[in-house]
Structure formats: C-alpha cells, structure tokens
C-alpha cells in the first residue's frame, strides 16, 4: 500500500508541475497575443494618420493638374518639342484638372513636371548643362553637352555685377528637382502609411490567432486515469 501511495503522490506532483507549466504557457500565449494585438492597432492608427497627414499637406499647396497632364497630350507635346518619347519615360496616369491630394497623384504630377522641364531645356538634364551662360564665340571644347559652360573665362558677364551670368536653363532643374523631390517624398510617405496599415492588420490577426491557439490547445486539461 505504501508503494502505491508513494506512486500516487509522485504522479500528483508531476501532474501539478504539468498544470503549472501549462498555465504558464497559456498565459504567455495570451500575453503574446495581447501585445501583438496592441501593436497591430497602433500600427493601423499610425498608418491612417500618416496617410491623412500626407493628403492634408498636399491639399494646402492647392496643386491642380494642367490640361496637358494626360498620357496622350504630354506625348504629343513632348514630340513637338523634339524629345525622344521612348527614352524619357512618359507618365501613364492622367491628373489633368484633378486636385493633387494623394501620394499617387503627387508622383504622377512630378513625372509630368520632369517632362515639362526637359521640354524647356531641349531634353538635357541638370548634369549635362554648364553652370554659366556661354559667350557666342565659346569654343566647342569649352561648351557642355547641353549648352552653357563651366569655364568662367568663356561665360557671359553681367555688366552690373561683373560676375558670370548663370545658365537659366540649368537653374530650371534646381526648382524642378526641389518640387519633384517633395512630391515623391509625399508618395513615399503615403505608401509607408499603407504599409503600416497592412502590417498592423497582420499583427492584429496574428495576435488573435495566438490567443485562440493558447486557449484551444493549452486551456484543456488532460484526462487522468483513476
């Protein structure tokens, strides 16, 4: 009898330890699920807030697409300006007459701005043009590919300041780059907000899954033999 009692006590101790360990795992699963749910909710809220901020910031700029900001119109316009439409990557989305209030529209507007700038510079970018306006008799060796010169000796001089005259066509790119960078940053921020929302829902569903799994698997007590 003493042997049987000792055996029963040992089984009781093992069962108690098993119950404690199961309870620890169960509450650990609940805690992990709660943390994931909390992070998911926060990520979703931050994602929506981020996208709303992008939209509000763009609305404040009062940007509206011009009539030529359609794929067909800009292609015709670029062709008339002598640009190689197959090499400059024309926009594929129309924003003509539309308020620029989202990341996608901001990116499309920036792509149209780039085409407009190429039309103004004859198809040359900032890096292809010289810093200064070149004199009429400037040697070819001193001219940049896109016009102008980087050599102050062959630059046209401002009679008032006695300084080289800046290349106006090149300066257009300074403004264009600043504006398109801001618009593309809005697009990136908008997509990051969307990514946060997607990740938030993934975390939320994972947390719910953790809670269900912990309850379904660990909450049930094993049936012990009498």
Protein backbone atom coordinates (compact mmCIF):
# COMPACT_ATOMS: atom_id res chain seq x y z
CA UNK A 1 0.00 0.00 0.00
CA UNK A 2 2.83 2.33 0.87
CA UNK A 3 4.32 1.76 -2.59
CA UNK A 4 1.03 2.59 -4.28
CA UNK A 5 0.60 5.72 -2.12
CA UNK A 6 4.11 6.89 -2.93
CA UNK A 7 3.47 6.30 -6.61
CA UNK A 8 0.24 8.27 -6.43
CA UNK A 9 1.96 11.13 -4.66
CA UNK A 10 4.67 11.21 -7.34
CA UNK A 11 2.03 11.28 -10.05
CA UNK A 12 0.23 14.07 -8.23
CA UNK A 13 3.45 16.10 -8.01
CA UNK A 14 4.17 15.55 -11.72
CA UNK A 15 0.60 16.49 -12.60
CA UNK A 16 0.86 19.63 -10.52
CA UNK A 17 4.05 20.63 -12.23
CA UNK A 18 2.48 19.90 -15.61
CA UNK A 19 -0.52 22.07 -14.73
CA UNK A 20 1.73 24.93 -13.63
CA UNK A 21 3.81 24.73 -16.80
CA UNK A 22 0.67 24.52 -18.95
CA UNK A 23 -0.78 27.53 -17.17
CA UNK A 24 2.44 29.48 -17.71
CA UNK A 25 2.37 28.67 -21.42
CA UNK A 26 -1.31 29.53 -21.62
CA UNK A 27 -0.92 32.94 -20.01
CA UNK A 28 2.24 33.50 -22.04
CA UNK A 29 0.23 32.86 -25.20
CA UNK A 30 -2.45 35.28 -24.02
CA UNK A 31 0.18 37.92 -23.23
CA UNK A 32 1.92 37.49 -26.59
CA UNK A 33 -1.41 37.72 -28.37
CA UNK A 34 -2.36 40.86 -26.44
CA UNK A 35 0.98 42.51 -27.30
CA UNK A 36 0.58 41.69 -30.99
CA UNK A 37 -2.98 42.98 -30.99
CA UNK A 38 -1.87 46.21 -29.30
CA UNK A 39 0.98 46.72 -31.76
CA UNK A 40 -1.36 45.94 -34.64
CA UNK A 41 -3.91 48.54 -33.53
CA UNK A 42 -1.18 51.15 -33.04
CA UNK A 43 0.32 50.41 -36.47
CA UNK A 44 -3.08 50.70 -38.14
CA UNK A 45 -3.85 54.00 -36.42
CA UNK A 46 -0.43 55.43 -37.25
CA UNK A 47 -0.75 54.29 -40.85
CA UNK A 48 -4.11 56.01 -41.32
CA UNK A 49 -2.84 59.14 -39.56
CA UNK A 50 0.25 59.22 -41.77
CA UNK A 51 -1.77 58.96 -44.97
CA UNK A 52 -4.19 61.62 -43.73
CA UNK A 53 -1.27 63.94 -42.98
CA UNK A 54 0.11 63.47 -46.49
CA UNK A 55 -3.27 64.26 -48.01
CA UNK A 56 -3.79 67.34 -45.83
CA UNK A 57 -0.30 68.67 -46.60
CA UNK A 58 -0.82 68.26 -50.34
CA UNK A 59 -4.23 69.97 -50.20
CA UNK A 60 -2.63 73.02 -48.59
CA UNK A 61 -0.44 73.51 -51.68
CA UNK A 62 -3.52 73.95 -53.93
CA UNK A 63 -1.95 71.92 -56.74
CA UNK A 64 -4.18 71.08 -59.72
CA UNK A 65 -3.08 69.18 -62.80
CA UNK A 66 -2.91 71.24 -66.01
CA UNK A 67 -4.84 70.37 -69.16
CA UNK A 68 -1.83 68.71 -70.83
CA UNK A 69 -1.29 66.26 -67.96
CA UNK A 70 -2.73 63.26 -69.75
CA UNK A 71 -0.62 60.50 -71.31
CA UNK A 72 -1.78 61.34 -74.84
CA UNK A 73 -1.43 65.12 -74.51
CA UNK A 74 2.03 65.02 -72.93
CA UNK A 75 3.28 62.60 -75.58
CA UNK A 76 2.13 64.93 -78.35
CA UNK A 77 3.63 67.92 -76.59
CA UNK A 78 6.96 66.19 -75.99
CA UNK A 79 7.15 65.03 -79.60
CA UNK A 80 6.59 68.58 -80.87
CA UNK A 81 9.40 69.74 -78.55
CA UNK A 82 11.75 67.30 -80.24
CA UNK A 83 12.13 64.90 -77.31
CA UNK A 84 12.67 61.17 -77.69
CA UNK A 85 9.45 59.99 -76.05
CA UNK A 86 10.74 56.42 -75.88
CA UNK A 87 13.71 57.41 -73.75
CA UNK A 88 12.23 59.77 -71.17
CA UNK A 89 9.57 57.55 -69.59
CA UNK A 90 6.25 59.31 -70.12
CA UNK A 91 3.57 59.29 -67.39
CA UNK A 92 0.80 56.72 -67.70
CA UNK A 93 -1.76 58.28 -65.34
CA UNK A 94 -3.87 61.35 -66.05
CA UNK A 95 -4.12 64.12 -63.46
CA UNK A 96 -5.49 66.84 -65.75
CA UNK A 97 -7.90 69.04 -63.82
CA UNK A 98 -7.51 66.92 -60.68
CA UNK A 99 -6.54 68.17 -57.25
CA UNK A 100 -3.22 66.66 -56.14
CA UNK A 101 -4.25 65.28 -52.75
CA UNK A 102 -2.72 61.81 -52.61
CA UNK A 103 0.65 60.15 -52.94
CA UNK A 104 -0.17 58.53 -56.28
CA UNK A 105 -1.31 61.83 -57.80
CA UNK A 106 1.74 63.61 -56.38
CA UNK A 107 4.05 61.11 -58.06
CA UNK A 108 2.18 61.44 -61.36
CA UNK A 109 2.34 65.24 -61.18
CA UNK A 110 6.10 65.04 -60.53
CA UNK A 111 6.58 62.88 -63.64
CA UNK A 112 4.73 65.47 -65.76
CA UNK A 113 6.91 68.22 -64.27
CA UNK A 114 10.01 66.35 -65.39
CA UNK A 115 8.74 66.19 -68.97
CA UNK A 116 7.94 69.91 -68.90
CA UNK A 117 11.46 70.65 -67.69
CA UNK A 118 13.01 68.51 -70.43
CA UNK A 119 10.94 70.43 -72.96
CA UNK A 120 12.32 73.70 -71.59
CA UNK A 121 15.94 72.52 -71.70
CA UNK A 122 15.81 70.73 -75.04
CA UNK A 123 15.97 67.30 -73.47
CA UNK A 124 19.06 67.91 -71.33
CA UNK A 125 19.29 67.33 -67.60
CA UNK A 126 20.99 69.41 -64.92
CA UNK A 127 24.26 67.47 -65.10
CA UNK A 128 24.51 67.87 -68.88
CA UNK A 129 24.45 71.66 -68.87
CA UNK A 130 27.11 74.18 -67.93
CA UNK A 131 26.88 76.43 -64.89
CA UNK A 132 27.16 79.66 -66.87
CA UNK A 133 25.71 81.17 -69.99
CA UNK A 134 28.38 80.84 -72.68
CA UNK A 135 29.67 83.61 -74.89
CA UNK A 136 28.69 83.37 -78.58
CA UNK A 137 32.31 82.68 -79.62
CA UNK A 138 32.96 79.98 -76.99
CA UNK A 139 34.97 77.06 -78.45
CA UNK A 140 33.17 73.73 -78.67
CA UNK A 141 35.66 72.19 -76.26
CA UNK A 142 34.53 74.65 -73.59
CA UNK A 143 30.82 74.00 -74.06
CA UNK A 144 28.82 71.49 -72.06
CA UNK A 145 26.80 68.84 -73.89
CA UNK A 146 23.53 70.54 -73.06
CA UNK A 147 24.75 74.09 -73.60
CA UNK A 148 26.45 76.64 -71.41
CA UNK A 149 29.94 76.38 -70.00
CA UNK A 150 31.64 75.57 -66.72
CA UNK A 151 34.61 77.78 -67.52
CA UNK A 152 34.13 81.33 -66.13
CA UNK A 153 36.57 82.65 -68.76
CA UNK A 154 34.10 81.81 -71.52
CA UNK A 155 31.00 82.83 -69.59
CA UNK A 156 28.90 85.87 -70.43
CA UNK A 157 29.47 88.58 -67.82
CA UNK A 158 26.84 90.62 -66.04
CA UNK A 159 27.73 94.25 -66.72
CA UNK A 160 26.33 95.35 -63.35
CA UNK A 161 27.90 92.77 -61.06
CA UNK A 162 30.88 91.79 -63.22
CA UNK A 163 30.07 88.17 -62.43
CA UNK A 164 29.38 85.27 -64.83
CA UNK A 165 25.75 85.01 -65.85
CA UNK A 166 24.10 81.81 -64.57
CA UNK A 167 22.71 79.35 -67.08
CA UNK A 168 18.97 79.95 -66.81
CA UNK A 169 18.05 76.63 -68.40
CA UNK A 170 20.15 74.80 -65.84
CA UNK A 171 18.56 76.69 -62.98
CA UNK A 172 15.16 75.37 -64.05
CA UNK A 173 16.32 71.96 -62.89
CA UNK A 174 17.07 73.30 -59.41
CA UNK A 175 13.44 74.31 -58.95
CA UNK A 176 12.14 71.17 -60.65
CA UNK A 177 14.26 68.89 -58.51
CA UNK A 178 13.16 70.57 -55.28
CA UNK A 179 9.48 70.33 -56.16
CA UNK A 180 9.52 66.80 -57.55
CA UNK A 181 11.56 65.57 -54.59
CA UNK A 182 8.90 66.92 -52.23
CA UNK A 183 6.13 65.32 -54.30
CA UNK A 184 7.93 61.98 -54.47
CA UNK A 185 8.55 62.15 -50.71
CA UNK A 186 4.79 62.55 -50.27
CA UNK A 187 4.29 59.46 -52.41
CA UNK A 188 6.80 57.50 -50.33
CA UNK A 189 5.19 58.65 -47.07
CA UNK A 190 1.77 57.66 -48.38
CA UNK A 191 3.00 54.18 -49.27
CA UNK A 192 4.75 53.81 -45.92
CA UNK A 193 1.45 54.63 -44.24
CA UNK A 194 -0.25 51.96 -46.35
CA UNK A 195 2.49 49.50 -45.44
CA UNK A 196 1.95 50.29 -41.77
CA UNK A 197 -1.76 49.55 -42.14
CA UNK A 198 -1.07 46.20 -43.81
CA UNK A 199 1.49 45.24 -41.16
CA UNK A 200 -0.94 46.37 -38.46
CA UNK A 201 -3.66 44.06 -39.72
CA UNK A 202 -1.13 41.21 -39.96
CA UNK A 203 -0.07 41.77 -36.34
CA UNK A 204 -3.70 42.07 -35.25
CA UNK A 205 -4.67 38.77 -36.87
CA UNK A 206 -1.53 37.08 -35.53
CA UNK A 207 -2.36 38.26 -32.01
CA UNK A 208 -5.91 36.95 -32.25
CA UNK A 209 -4.52 33.67 -33.55
CA UNK A 210 -2.13 33.43 -30.59
CA UNK A 211 -4.98 33.93 -28.12
CA UNK A 212 -7.20 31.35 -29.83
CA UNK A 213 -4.33 28.85 -30.06
CA UNK A 214 -3.38 29.30 -26.41
CA UNK A 215 -6.97 28.84 -25.28
CA UNK A 216 -7.78 25.90 -27.57
CA UNK A 217 -4.60 23.89 -27.08
CA UNK A 218 -3.39 24.68 -23.58
CA UNK A 219 -6.59 25.50 -21.74
CA UNK A 220 -7.94 21.96 -21.90
CA UNK A 221 -6.78 19.80 -19.05
CA UNK A 222 -5.62 16.27 -19.85
CA UNK A 223 -7.88 13.43 -18.65
CA UNK A 224 -6.09 11.49 -15.95
CA UNK A 225 -6.61 7.84 -15.33
CA UNK A 226 -8.17 6.99 -12.00
